[in-house]
C-alpha atoms as a PDB file:
ATOM      1  CA  MET A   1     133.582   6.142  91.260  1.00  0.00           C
ATOM      2  CA  SER A   2     131.002   3.613  92.559  1.00  0.00           C
ATOM      3  CA  GLY A   3     131.420   0.324  94.586  1.00  0.00           C
ATOM      4  CA  LYS A   4     134.607  -0.709  96.124  1.00  0.00           C
ATOM      5  CA  ARG A   5     137.575   1.381  94.742  1.00  0.00           C
ATOM      6  CA  THR A   6     140.784  -0.174  93.847  1.00  0.00           C
ATOM      7  CA  THR A   7     144.235   1.395  93.872  1.00  0.00           C
ATOM      8  CA  GLU A   8     143.940   1.649  90.004  1.00  0.00           C
ATOM      9  CA  ASP A   9     140.610   3.502  90.432  1.00  0.00           C
ATOM     10  CA  HIS A  10     142.405   5.897  92.740  1.00  0.00           C
ATOM     11  CA  ARG A  11     145.304   6.208  90.408  1.00  0.00           C
ATOM     12  CA  GLN A  12     143.001   7.140  87.586  1.00  0.00           C
ATOM     13  CA  TRP A  13     141.139   9.744  89.532  1.00  0.00           C
ATOM     14  CA  LEU A  14     144.352  11.287  90.873  1.00  0.00           C
ATOM     15  CA  THR A  15     145.989  11.380  87.335  1.00  0.00           C
ATOM     16  CA  GLU A  16     142.952  13.602  86.239  1.00  0.00           C
ATOM     17  CA  ARG A  17     142.832  15.641  89.448  1.00  0.00           C
ATOM     18  CA  LEU A  18     146.395  16.422  90.203  1.00  0.00           C
ATOM     19  CA  PRO A  19     147.066  18.698  87.240  1.00  0.00           C
ATOM     20  CA  ARG A  20     144.262  20.860  88.158  1.00  0.00           C
ATOM     21  CA  HIS A  21     145.560  20.965  91.784  1.00  0.00           C
ATOM     22  CA  ASP A  22     148.888  22.172  90.542  1.00  0.00           C
ATOM     23  CA  ARG A  23     147.135  25.090  88.800  1.00  0.00           C
ATOM     24  CA  LEU A  24     145.098  25.653  92.063  1.00  0.00           C
ATOM     25  CA  THR A  25     148.187  25.614  94.316  1.00  0.00           C
ATOM     26  CA  ARG A  26     149.916  28.261  92.326  1.00  0.00           C
ATOM     27  CA  SER A  27     146.658  30.520  92.076  1.00  0.00           C
ATOM     28  CA  VAL A  28     146.213  30.299  95.841  1.00  0.00           C
ATOM     29  CA  VAL A  29     149.861  31.185  96.679  1.00  0.00           C
ATOM     30  CA  SER A  30     149.606  34.110  94.225  1.00  0.00           C
ATOM     31  CA  LEU A  31     146.206  35.347  95.758  1.00  0.00           C
ATOM     32  CA  LEU A  32     147.403  35.047  99.268  1.00  0.00           C
ATOM     33  CA  GLN A  33     150.908  36.791  98.630  1.00  0.00           C
ATOM     34  CA  ASN A  34     149.196  39.701  96.887  1.00  0.00           C
ATOM     35  CA  MET A  35     146.684  40.220  99.562  1.00  0.00           C
ATOM     36  CA  LEU A  36     149.075  40.139 102.491  1.00  0.00           C
ATOM     37  CA  ILE A  37     151.305  42.661 100.571  1.00  0.00           C
ATOM     38  CA  GLU A  38     148.241  44.905  99.824  1.00  0.00           C
ATOM     39  CA  LYS A  39     147.154  44.745 103.436  1.00  0.00           C
ATOM     40  CA  SER A  40     150.602  45.440 104.729  1.00  0.00           C
ATOM     41  CA  VAL A  41     150.816  42.234 106.687  1.00  0.00           C
ATOM     42  CA  ASP A  42     154.429  41.251 107.372  1.00  0.00           C
ATOM     43  CA  PHE A  43     155.234  37.639 106.584  1.00  0.00           C
ATOM     44  CA  LEU A  44     158.353  35.435 106.120  1.00  0.00           C
ATOM     45  CA  SER A  45     156.959  33.106 103.328  1.00  0.00           C
ATOM     46  CA  VAL A  46     153.953  31.853 101.395  1.00  0.00           C
ATOM     47  CA  SER A  47     154.699  28.520  99.733  1.00  0.00           C
ATOM     48  CA  GLY A  48     152.660  25.750  98.199  1.00  0.00           C
ATOM     49  CA  ARG A  49     153.072  22.320  97.206  1.00  0.00           C
ATOM     50  CA  THR A  50     150.840  19.739  95.224  1.00  0.00           C
ATOM     51  CA  LYS A  51     150.924  16.220  96.323  1.00  0.00           C
ATOM     52  CA  SER A  52     152.720  13.634  94.081  1.00  0.00           C
ATOM     53  CA  LEU A  53     150.664  10.797  92.789  1.00  0.00           C
ATOM     54  CA  ASP A  54     152.739   8.408  94.855  1.00  0.00           C
ATOM     55  CA  GLY A  55     152.319  10.505  97.872  1.00  0.00           C
ATOM     56  CA  ALA A  56     148.471  10.756  97.436  1.00  0.00           C
ATOM     57  CA  LEU A  57     148.138   7.087  97.038  1.00  0.00           C
ATOM     58  CA  GLU A  58     150.283   6.415 100.044  1.00  0.00           C
ATOM     59  CA  LYS A  59     147.955   8.619 102.176  1.00  0.00           C
ATOM     60  CA  ILE A  60     144.721   6.924 100.931  1.00  0.00           C
ATOM     61  CA  ARG A  61     146.282   3.539 101.746  1.00  0.00           C
ATOM     62  CA  ARG A  62     147.555   4.810 105.174  1.00  0.00           C
ATOM     63  CA  LYS A  63     144.339   6.541 106.104  1.00  0.00           C
ATOM     64  CA  LYS A  64     142.205   3.830 104.620  1.00  0.00           C
ATOM     65  CA  TYR A  65     140.024   6.515 102.815  1.00  0.00           C
ATOM     66  CA  SER A  66     136.931   4.912 101.129  1.00  0.00           C
ATOM     67  CA  ASN A  67     135.976   8.263  99.501  1.00  0.00           C
ATOM     68  CA  PRO A  68     139.047  10.101  98.869  1.00  0.00           C
ATOM     69  CA  GLU A  69     137.226  12.771  96.980  1.00  0.00           C
ATOM     70  CA  GLU A  70     135.880  14.158 100.191  1.00  0.00           C
ATOM     71  CA  ARG A  71     138.494  13.141 102.535  1.00  0.00           C
ATOM     72  CA  LEU A  72     141.733  14.021 100.690  1.00  0.00           C
ATOM     73  CA  THR A  73     141.724  17.812 101.119  1.00  0.00           C
ATOM     74  CA  ASP A  74     145.423  18.428 101.188  1.00  0.00           C
ATOM     75  CA  LEU A  75     146.345  17.637  97.526  1.00  0.00           C
ATOM     76  CA  SER A  76     146.918  21.315  97.421  1.00  0.00           C
ATOM     77  CA  GLY A  77     148.701  22.473 100.517  1.00  0.00           C
ATOM     78  CA  ILE A  78     149.697  26.135 101.238  1.00  0.00           C
ATOM     79  CA  ARG A  79     151.789  27.202 104.174  1.00  0.00           C
ATOM     80  CA  VAL A  80     152.224  30.887 105.525  1.00  0.00           C
ATOM     81  CA  ILE A  81     154.817  31.598 107.904  1.00  0.00           C
ATOM     82  CA  THR A  82     154.710  34.841 109.823  1.00  0.00           C
ATOM     83  CA  TYR A  83     157.089  36.515 112.209  1.00  0.00           C
ATOM     84  CA  LEU A  84     154.627  37.275 115.207  1.00  0.00           C
ATOM     85  CA  GLU A  85     151.589  35.576 116.626  1.00  0.00           C
ATOM     86  CA  SER A  86     149.548  38.648 116.024  1.00  0.00           C
ATOM     87  CA  GLN A  87     150.310  38.453 112.352  1.00  0.00           C
ATOM     88  CA  VAL A  88     148.757  34.794 112.462  1.00  0.00           C
ATOM     89  CA  SER A  89     145.397  36.361 113.267  1.00  0.00           C
ATOM     90  CA  GLN A  90     145.714  38.964 110.358  1.00  0.00           C
ATOM     91  CA  VAL A  91     146.446  36.113 107.926  1.00  0.00           C
ATOM     92  CA  GLU A  92     143.292  34.303 109.208  1.00  0.00           C
ATOM     93  CA  THR A  93     141.157  37.263 108.514  1.00  0.00           C
ATOM     94  CA  ILE A  94     142.535  37.580 104.983  1.00  0.00           C
ATOM     95  CA  ILE A  95     142.019  33.919 104.299  1.00  0.00           C
ATOM     96  CA  ARG A  96     138.287  34.285 105.372  1.00  0.00           C
ATOM     97  CA  ILE A  97     138.001  37.186 102.919  1.00  0.00           C
ATOM     98  CA  LEU A  98     139.591  35.466 100.010  1.00  0.00           C
ATOM     99  CA  PHE A  99     138.234  31.985 100.287  1.00  0.00           C
ATOM    100  CA  ALA A 100     135.358  29.838 101.376  1.00  0.00           C
ATOM    101  CA  VAL A 101     136.324  28.216 104.661  1.00  0.00           C
ATOM    102  CA  ASP A 102     135.022  24.718 105.726  1.00  0.00           C
ATOM    103  CA  GLU A 103     134.902  25.576 109.341  1.00  0.00           C
ATOM    104  CA  ALA A 104     133.894  22.111 110.444  1.00  0.00           C
ATOM    105  CA  ASN A 105     137.266  20.759 109.165  1.00  0.00           C
ATOM    106  CA  SER A 106     139.543  23.689 110.039  1.00  0.00           C
ATOM    107  CA  LEU A 107     141.123  24.239 113.347  1.00  0.00           C
ATOM    108  CA  ASP A 108     143.674  25.898 115.571  1.00  0.00           C
ATOM    109  CA  ARG A 109     145.922  23.344 116.950  1.00  0.00           C
ATOM    110  CA  SER A 110     146.589  25.565 120.068  1.00  0.00           C
ATOM    111  CA  SER A 111     142.990  24.993 121.226  1.00  0.00           C
ATOM    112  CA  VAL A 112     143.093  21.333 120.284  1.00  0.00           C
ATOM    113  CA  LEU A 113     146.196  20.799 122.416  1.00  0.00           C
ATOM    114  CA  GLY A 114     144.628  22.366 125.556  1.00  0.00           C
ATOM    115  CA  SER A 115     146.200  24.444 128.281  1.00  0.00           C
ATOM    116  CA  ASP A 116     148.151  21.397 129.753  1.00  0.00           C
ATOM    117  CA  LYS A 117     149.639  20.205 126.461  1.00  0.00           C
ATOM    118  CA  ILE A 118     152.632  21.713 124.596  1.00  0.00           C
ATOM    119  CA  GLY A 119     153.690  20.751 121.141  1.00  0.00           C
ATOM    120  CA  TYR A 120     153.140  21.379 117.412  1.00  0.00           C
ATOM    121  CA  ARG A 121     150.864  24.512 117.044  1.00  0.00           C
ATOM    122  CA  SER A 122     149.410  26.167 113.981  1.00  0.00           C
ATOM    123  CA  ALA A 123     146.131  27.407 112.396  1.00  0.00           C
ATOM    124  CA  HIS A 124     144.835  25.128 109.888  1.00  0.00           C
ATOM    125  CA  PHE A 125     142.142  25.770 107.292  1.00  0.00           C
ATOM    126  CA  VAL A 126     140.328  23.683 104.524  1.00  0.00           C
ATOM    127  CA  CYS A 127     139.151  26.037 101.852  1.00  0.00           C
ATOM    128  CA  SER A 128     137.721  26.263  98.500  1.00  0.00           C
ATOM    129  CA  LEU A 129     137.918  29.214  96.063  1.00  0.00           C
ATOM    130  CA  GLY A 130     134.269  30.152  96.783  1.00  0.00           C
ATOM    131  CA  THR A 131     131.149  30.705  94.577  1.00  0.00           C
ATOM    132  CA  THR A 132     132.319  34.106  93.268  1.00  0.00           C
ATOM    133  CA  ARG A 133     135.892  33.382  92.206  1.00  0.00           C
ATOM    134  CA  GLU A 134     135.159  29.993  90.825  1.00  0.00           C
ATOM    135  CA  LYS A 135     133.030  31.744  88.136  1.00  0.00           C
ATOM    136  CA  LEU A 136     135.966  33.634  86.788  1.00  0.00           C
ATOM    137  CA  PRO A 137     137.684  32.229  83.571  1.00  0.00           C
ATOM    138  CA  GLU A 138     141.075  32.031  85.039  1.00  0.00           C
ATOM    139  CA  TYR A 139     139.920  29.607  87.668  1.00  0.00           C
ATOM    140  CA  ASP A 140     137.854  27.397  85.284  1.00  0.00           C
ATOM    141  CA  SER A 141     137.451  23.797  86.500  1.00  0.00           C
ATOM    142  CA  LEU A 142     139.124  24.827  89.944  1.00  0.00           C
ATOM    143  CA  GLY A 143     136.058  25.811  91.902  1.00  0.00           C
ATOM    144  CA  ASN A 144     135.065  22.376  93.356  1.00  0.00           C
ATOM    145  CA  LEU A 145     138.575  21.574  94.629  1.00  0.00           C
ATOM    146  CA  LYS A 146     139.622  21.919  98.180  1.00  0.00           C
ATOM    147  CA  PHE A 147     142.868  22.835  99.495  1.00  0.00           C
ATOM    148  CA  GLU A 148     144.510  23.367 102.881  1.00  0.00           C
ATOM    149  CA  ILE A 149     146.213  26.432 104.288  1.00  0.00           C
ATOM    150  CA  GLN A 150     148.503  26.329 107.237  1.00  0.00           C
ATOM    151  CA  VAL A 151     149.417  29.315 109.173  1.00  0.00           C
ATOM    152  CA  ARG A 152     152.262  29.485 111.906  1.00  0.00           C
ATOM    153  CA  THR A 153     154.939  31.688 113.194  1.00  0.00           C
ATOM    154  CA  VAL A 154     158.560  31.161 112.418  1.00  0.00           C
ATOM    155  CA  LEU A 155     159.280  29.702 115.837  1.00  0.00           C
ATOM    156  CA  GLN A 156     156.206  27.289 115.559  1.00  0.00           C
ATOM    157  CA  HIS A 157     157.441  26.315 112.052  1.00  0.00           C
ATOM    158  CA  ALA A 158     161.035  25.665 113.501  1.00  0.00           C
ATOM    159  CA  TRP A 159     159.543  23.385 116.254  1.00  0.00           C
ATOM    160  CA  ALA A 160     157.211  21.521 113.829  1.00  0.00           C
ATOM    161  CA  GLU A 161     160.125  20.879 111.466  1.00  0.00           C
ATOM    162  CA  LEU A 162     162.378  19.492 114.271  1.00  0.00           C
ATOM    163  CA  ALA A 163     159.311  17.252 115.645  1.00  0.00           C
ATOM    164  CA  HIS A 164     158.582  15.764 112.154  1.00  0.00           C
ATOM    165  CA  ASP A 165     162.375  15.275 111.271  1.00  0.00           C
ATOM    166  CA  ARG A 166     163.134  11.642 112.126  1.00  0.00           C
ATOM    167  CA  SER A 167     166.946  12.499 112.436  1.00  0.00           C
ATOM    168  CA  PHE A 168     166.080  14.542 115.592  1.00  0.00           C
ATOM    169  CA  LYS A 169     163.895  11.881 117.095  1.00  0.00           C
ATOM    170  CA  PHE A 170     161.628  14.367 118.746  1.00  0.00           C
ATOM    171  CA  GLY A 171     158.416  12.297 118.143  1.00  0.00           C
ATOM    172  CA  PRO A 172     156.122  10.593 120.678  1.00  0.00           C
ATOM    173  CA  GLY A 173     157.040   7.468 122.942  1.00  0.00           C
ATOM    174  CA  LEU A 174     160.146   9.052 124.435  1.00  0.00           C
ATOM    175  CA  PRO A 175     161.192   7.943 128.049  1.00  0.00           C
ATOM    176  CA  PRO A 176     159.356  10.054 130.560  1.00  0.00           C
ATOM    177  CA  THR A 177     162.532  12.107 131.906  1.00  0.00           C
ATOM    178  CA  ILE A 178     163.312  13.039 128.271  1.00  0.00           C
ATOM    179  CA  GLN A 179     159.681  13.792 127.317  1.00  0.00           C
ATOM    180  CA  ARG A 180     159.650  16.222 130.232  1.00  0.00           C
ATOM    181  CA  LYS A 181     162.622  17.980 128.911  1.00  0.00           C
ATOM    182  CA  LEU A 182     161.415  18.206 125.521  1.00  0.00           C
ATOM    183  CA  ASN A 183     157.958  19.563 126.911  1.00  0.00           C
ATOM    184  CA  LEU A 184     159.859  22.212 128.926  1.00  0.00           C
ATOM    185  CA  TYR A 185     161.847  23.466 125.972  1.00  0.00           C
ATOM    186  CA  SER A 186     158.752  23.546 123.852  1.00  0.00           C
ATOM    187  CA  GLY A 187     157.145  25.620 126.378  1.00  0.00           C
ATOM    188  CA  MET A 188     160.085  28.058 126.543  1.00  0.00           C
ATOM    189  CA  LEU A 189     159.700  28.295 122.728  1.00  0.00           C
ATOM    190  CA  GLU A 190     156.018  29.292 123.198  1.00  0.00           C
ATOM    191  CA  ILE A 191     157.000  31.867 125.730  1.00  0.00           C
ATOM    192  CA  VAL A 192     159.441  33.411 123.566  1.00  0.00           C
ATOM    193  CA  ASP A 193     157.004  33.418 120.772  1.00  0.00           C
ATOM    194  CA  GLY A 194     154.496  35.416 122.893  1.00  0.00           C
ATOM    195  CA  ALA A 195     157.255  37.689 124.154  1.00  0.00           C
ATOM    196  CA  PHE A 196     158.475  38.724 120.692  1.00  0.00           C
ATOM    197  CA  ASP A 197     154.920  39.665 119.866  1.00  0.00           C
ATOM    198  CA  SER A 198     154.602  41.509 123.084  1.00  0.00           C
ATOM    199  CA  ILE A 199     157.894  43.489 122.523  1.00  0.00           C
ATOM    200  CA  ALA A 200     156.807  44.355 118.830  1.00  0.00           C
ATOM    201  CA  LYS A 201     153.668  45.825 120.116  1.00  0.00           C
ATOM    202  CA  GLU A 202     155.633  47.976 122.688  1.00  0.00           C
ATOM    203  CA  ILE A 203     157.775  49.102 119.971  1.00  0.00           C
ATOM    204  CA  ASP A 204     154.842  50.085 117.830  1.00  0.00           C
ATOM    205  CA  ASN A 205     153.347  51.947 120.852  1.00  0.00           C
ATOM    206  CA  TYR A 206     156.581  53.753 121.604  1.00  0.00           C
ATOM    207  CA  ALA A 207     156.950  54.698 117.857  1.00  0.00           C
ATOM    208  CA  GLN A 208     153.426  56.128 117.881  1.00  0.00           C
ATOM    209  CA  GLU A 209     154.072  58.141 121.007  1.00  0.00           C
ATOM    210  CA  ILE A 210     157.457  59.514 119.500  1.00  0.00           C
ATOM    211  CA  ASN A 211     155.997  60.162 116.140  1.00  0.00           C
ATOM    212  CA  ALA A 212     153.249  62.272 117.778  1.00  0.00           C
ATOM    213  CA  LYS A 213     155.704  64.573 119.288  1.00  0.00           C
ATOM    214  CA  SER A 214     157.112  67.884 117.919  1.00  0.00           C
ATOM    215  CA  LEU A 215     160.771  68.711 117.534  1.00  0.00           C
ATOM    216  CA  ARG A 216     160.710  70.598 120.771  1.00  0.00           C
ATOM    217  CA  GLN A 217     159.012  67.699 122.624  1.00  0.00           C
ATOM    218  CA  ILE A 218     161.403  64.944 121.751  1.00  0.00           C
ATOM    219  CA  SER A 219     164.354  67.168 122.756  1.00  0.00           C
ATOM    220  CA  ALA A 220     164.803  65.308 125.984  1.00  0.00           C
ATOM    221  CA  VAL A 221     164.185  61.851 124.610  1.00  0.00           C
ATOM    222  CA  GLU A 222     167.198  59.605 124.481  1.00  0.00           C
ATOM    223  CA  VAL A 223     168.701  58.749 121.078  1.00  0.00           C
ATOM    224  CA  ASN A 224     167.561  55.416 119.850  1.00  0.00           C
ATOM    225  CA  SER A 225     166.689  54.091 116.481  1.00  0.00           C
ATOM    226  CA  ILE A 226     163.008  55.433 116.750  1.00  0.00           C
ATOM    227  CA  SER A 227     163.803  58.831 118.117  1.00  0.00           C
ATOM    228  CA  LEU A 228     166.622  59.415 115.619  1.00  0.00           C
ATOM    229  CA  SER A 229     164.384  58.532 112.598  1.00  0.00           C
ATOM    230  CA  ARG A 230     161.654  60.742 113.871  1.00  0.00           C
ATOM    231  CA  TYR A 231     164.175  63.733 114.533  1.00  0.00           C
ATOM    232  CA  VAL A 232     165.730  63.486 111.135  1.00  0.00           C
ATOM    233  CA  GLN A 233     162.328  63.398 109.526  1.00  0.00           C
ATOM    234  CA  GLN A 234     161.403  66.493 111.222  1.00  0.00           C
ATOM    235  CA  ILE A 235     164.602  68.197 110.456  1.00  0.00           C
ATOM    236  CA  SER A 236     164.239  67.138 106.703  1.00  0.00           C
ATOM    237  CA  ASP A 237     160.738  68.718 106.745  1.00  0.00           C
ATOM    238  CA  LYS A 238     161.857  71.840 108.459  1.00  0.00           C
ATOM    239  CA  TYR A 239     164.646  72.654 106.160  1.00  0.00           C
ATOM    240  CA  GLU A 240     163.212  70.976 103.065  1.00  0.00           C
ATOM    241  CA  LEU A 241     166.199  68.531 102.767  1.00  0.00           C
ATOM    242  CA  ASP A 242     166.256  65.359 100.579  1.00  0.00           C
ATOM    243  CA  ILE A 243     166.341  62.656 103.238  1.00  0.00           C
ATOM    244  CA  ARG A 244     164.673  59.260 102.549  1.00  0.00           C
ATOM    245  CA  GLU A 245     163.854  56.522 105.031  1.00  0.00           C
ATOM    246  CA  GLY A 246     166.505  54.048 106.072  1.00  0.00           C
ATOM    247  CA  GLU A 247     167.680  51.962 108.964  1.00  0.00           C
ATOM    248  CA  ILE A 248     169.702  53.133 111.789  1.00  0.00           C
ATOM    249  CA  PRO A 249     172.888  50.858 112.287  1.00  0.00           C
ATOM    250  CA  ALA A 250     174.204  49.842 115.777  1.00  0.00           C
ATOM    251  CA  GLU A 251     177.631  51.547 114.961  1.00  0.00           C
ATOM    252  CA  LEU A 252     176.047  54.890 114.741  1.00  0.00           C
ATOM    253  CA  PHE A 253     175.261  54.909 118.500  1.00  0.00           C
ATOM    254  CA  VAL A 254     179.089  54.328 119.115  1.00  0.00           C
ATOM    255  CA  GLU A 255     179.867  57.438 116.965  1.00  0.00           C
ATOM    256  CA  LEU A 256     177.221  59.542 118.837  1.00  0.00           C
ATOM    257  CA  GLU A 257     178.849  58.459 122.106  1.00  0.00           C
ATOM    258  CA  ARG A 258     182.187  59.861 120.888  1.00  0.00           C
ATOM    259  CA  PHE A 259     180.373  63.274 120.993  1.00  0.00           C
ATOM    260  CA  GLY A 260     178.757  62.743 124.318  1.00  0.00           C
ATOM    261  CA  ILE A 261     175.310  62.850 122.536  1.00  0.00           C
ATOM    262  CA  GLN A 262     172.720  61.128 124.779  1.00  0.00           C
ATOM    263  CA  THR A 263     169.451  62.943 123.942  1.00  0.00           C
ATOM    264  CA  ILE A 264     167.976  64.367 120.704  1.00  0.00           C
ATOM    265  CA  GLY A 265     168.449  67.716 122.158  1.00  0.00           C
ATOM    266  CA  ASP A 266     172.184  67.188 122.387  1.00  0.00           C
ATOM    267  CA  LEU A 267     172.363  66.270 118.668  1.00  0.00           C
ATOM    268  CA  ASP A 268     170.038  69.201 117.791  1.00  0.00           C
ATOM    269  CA  LYS A 269     172.702  71.608 119.203  1.00  0.00           C
ATOM    270  CA  LEU A 270     175.160  70.534 116.576  1.00  0.00           C
ATOM    271  CA  ILE A 271     172.856  72.041 113.831  1.00  0.00           C
ATOM    272  CA  THR A 272     173.737  75.575 112.880  1.00  0.00           C
ATOM    273  CA  ALA A 273     172.751  77.895 110.004  1.00  0.00           C
ATOM    274  CA  GLU A 274     176.147  77.194 108.396  1.00  0.00           C
ATOM    275  CA  THR A 275     175.623  73.471 108.691  1.00  0.00           C
ATOM    276  CA  ILE A 276     172.257  73.642 106.887  1.00  0.00           C
ATOM    277  CA  LYS A 277     173.560  75.963 104.278  1.00  0.00           C
ATOM    278  CA  LEU A 278     176.497  73.728 103.376  1.00  0.00           C
ATOM    279  CA  TYR A 279     174.208  70.729 103.439  1.00  0.00           C
ATOM    280  CA  LYS A 280     171.518  72.217 101.151  1.00  0.00           C
ATOM    281  CA  SER A 281     174.038  73.834  98.773  1.00  0.00           C
ATOM    282  CA  ALA A 282     175.550  70.289  98.040  1.00  0.00           C
ATOM    283  CA  ARG A 283     172.155  68.914  97.081  1.00  0.00           C
ATOM    284  CA  ILE A 284     172.732  65.845  98.986  1.00  0.00           C
ATOM    285  CA  GLN A 285     170.372  63.005  98.585  1.00  0.00           C
ATOM    286  CA  ASP A 286     170.685  61.052 101.950  1.00  0.00           C
ATOM    287  CA  THR A 287     169.391  58.576 104.488  1.00  0.00           C
ATOM    288  CA  PRO A 288     169.026  59.317 108.161  1.00  0.00           C
ATOM    289  CA  VAL A 289     172.411  57.615 109.035  1.00  0.00           C
ATOM    290  CA  GLY A 290     174.205  59.607 106.242  1.00  0.00           C
ATOM    291  CA  PHE A 291     172.687  62.776 107.385  1.00  0.00           C
ATOM    292  CA  ILE A 292     173.728  62.318 110.904  1.00  0.00           C
ATOM    293  CA  ARG A 293     177.202  61.250 110.081  1.00  0.00           C
ATOM    294  CA  GLN A 294     177.620  64.261 107.893  1.00  0.00           C
ATOM    295  CA  LEU A 295     176.393  66.406 110.657  1.00  0.00           C
ATOM    296  CA  LEU A 296     178.927  64.965 113.075  1.00  0.00           C
ATOM    297  CA  MET A 297     181.673  65.471 110.640  1.00  0.00           C
ATOM    298  CA  LEU A 298     180.697  69.072 109.764  1.00  0.00           C
ATOM    299  CA  HIS A 299     180.793  69.775 113.610  1.00  0.00           C
ATOM    300  CA  ASP A 300     184.251  68.221 114.287  1.00  0.00           C
ATOM    301  CA  ILE A 301     185.776  65.854 111.611  1.00  0.00           C
ATOM    302  CA  ASP A 302     188.870  65.224 113.885  1.00  0.00           C
ATOM    303  CA  LYS A 303     186.647  63.974 116.839  1.00  0.00           C
ATOM    304  CA  TYR A 304     184.615  61.833 114.470  1.00  0.00           C
ATOM    305  CA  PHE A 305     187.743  60.170 113.226  1.00  0.00           C
ATOM    306  CA  SER A 306     189.264  59.858 116.761  1.00  0.00           C
ATOM    307  CA  GLY A 307     187.674  56.305 116.954  1.00  0.00           C
ATOM    308  CA  PRO A 308     186.947  53.475 114.535  1.00  0.00           C
ATOM    309  CA  VAL A 309     184.478  53.948 111.588  1.00  0.00           C
ATOM    310  CA  ARG A 310     182.691  51.097 109.727  1.00  0.00           C
ATOM    311  CA  TRP A 311     181.663  52.594 106.407  1.00  0.00           C
ATOM    312  CA  ALA A 312     184.064  52.326 103.504  1.00  0.00           C
ATOM    313  CA  ALA A 313     182.814  54.999 101.014  1.00  0.00           C
ATOM    314  CA  ILE A 314     181.459  58.577 100.602  1.00  0.00           C
ATOM    315  CA  ASP A 315     179.353  59.964  97.784  1.00  0.00           C
ATOM    316  CA  THR A 316     180.613  62.917  95.734  1.00  0.00           C
ATOM    317  CA  ASP A 317     178.044  65.293  96.995  1.00  0.00           C
ATOM    318  CA  SER A 318     178.743  64.546 100.677  1.00  0.00           C
ATOM    319  CA  TYR A 319     182.602  65.020  99.955  1.00  0.00           C
ATOM    320  CA  GLU A 320     181.988  68.421  98.153  1.00  0.00           C
ATOM    321  CA  CYS A 321     180.027  69.470 101.242  1.00  0.00           C
ATOM    322  CA  LEU A 322     182.819  68.697 103.618  1.00  0.00           C
ATOM    323  CA  LYS A 323     185.347  70.299 101.229  1.00  0.00           C
ATOM    324  CA  GLU A 324     183.524  73.742 101.843  1.00  0.00           C
ATOM    325  CA  LYS A 325     184.595  73.582 105.439  1.00  0.00           C
ATOM    326  CA  TYR A 326     187.832  71.510 105.516  1.00  0.00           C
ATOM    327  CA  PRO A 327     191.129  71.566 103.330  1.00  0.00           C
ATOM    328  CA  GLU A 328     190.892  68.906 100.729  1.00  0.00           C
ATOM    329  CA  ARG A 329     194.326  67.649 101.839  1.00  0.00           C
ATOM    330  CA  LYS A 330     192.956  67.066 105.278  1.00  0.00           C
ATOM    331  CA  LEU A 331     189.958  64.993 103.892  1.00  0.00           C
ATOM    332  CA  ARG A 332     191.885  62.797 101.690  1.00  0.00           C
ATOM    333  CA  ASN A 333     194.368  61.973 104.385  1.00  0.00           C
ATOM    334  CA  LEU A 334     191.477  61.202 106.949  1.00  0.00           C
ATOM    335  CA  PHE A 335     189.768  59.054 104.322  1.00  0.00           C
ATOM    336  CA  HIS A 336     192.930  57.364 103.346  1.00  0.00           C
ATOM    337  CA  GLU A 337     193.760  56.474 106.779  1.00  0.00           C
ATOM    338  CA  ASN A 338     190.365  55.016 107.481  1.00  0.00           C
ATOM    339  CA  SER A 339     190.251  53.043 104.189  1.00  0.00           C
ATOM    340  CA  ILE A 340     187.360  55.275 102.917  1.00  0.00           C
ATOM    341  CA  SER A 341     187.027  55.771  99.061  1.00  0.00           C
ATOM    342  CA  LEU A 342     185.183  58.319  97.223  1.00  0.00           C
ATOM    343  CA  GLU A 343     182.574  56.818  95.165  1.00  0.00           C
ATOM    344  CA  ALA A 344     183.078  56.857  91.355  1.00  0.00           C
ATOM    345  CA  ASP A 345     186.691  58.454  91.805  1.00  0.00           C
ATOM    346  CA  ASP A 346     189.954  57.026  92.365  1.00  0.00           C
ATOM    347  CA  TYR A 347     191.221  60.158  94.109  1.00  0.00           C
ATOM    348  CA  PRO A 348     194.993  60.678  94.654  1.00  0.00           C
ATOM    349  CA  ARG A 349     196.496  59.924  97.983  1.00  0.00           C
ATOM    350  CA  ASP A 350     198.529  62.371 100.014  1.00  0.00           C
ATOM    351  CA  GLU A 351     201.825  61.259  98.581  1.00  0.00           C
ATOM    352  CA  GLU A 352     200.555  62.312  95.021  1.00  0.00           C
ATOM    353  CA  PHE A 353     199.870  66.127  96.010  1.00  0.00           C
END
């Protein structure tokens, strides 16, 4: 294009350019997702959008761009939402590995806002595919296109969405008393964002500390989701049990309290040679919570069912293991009273014996 550009000129340029940007958007999203997964960076979502023809023309008019080919860098827009602030930095590193970043036009809005300002924060990058990738056949005709990547935490994203949604009227120009309140709550959101990141680091450090301890060393450690997972892993290795990884639900701690178990050592006392023999002979494929519940029931099934339980089914192998210690009538009555079914088997109730 040369000379003064008209709306029709811009329309023709965009009509040719937008289909390529559509390909570019999908390619960048795929590249980012794959690399984040490969590098084990946790993220909530990676999404992309290509501006519509009308949306692009509106921005050219509003911004009064005389050279939209250079200035309109967000025809392809990609957004990465992380859980924590520390993950934002990890994503930034990956972006610089994958793409050529236009540093002059990229920014961190946290630094732009300054220490005395509170508001919409995110890291923002203007990128291209780079000279290496643009030579690959799958990126043919995409190498000279720019795109924007925005990286923010889920809390930053929530605030930005509220601030940009007209129905909430959180924009600029509010009365001073309301603006002060808005700044206060926005600041609280930033504090929470940082606090979550700090807590996550503490959890990681605690997990590393526990995972470095031997079975004997964690005996005095209080029962919690991390210490229980480590204990079950060690027991599984020690006795060659088939226990895979899994989450520890909150209700399990209520069940442990019923037995007066406060430390890993308290739980370890329930393991006997007979318990391990029964468990191994049943060839149970289990999770940590399944193993611990089985251990409690093998120790004292009446005490286990003296309080409420919140699971609804037991697998056949676990049931057969319990049957080696307790009469089947007793088991069926207990499971019936607690609305627990035997998986893949509609077993008879007590009245059918």
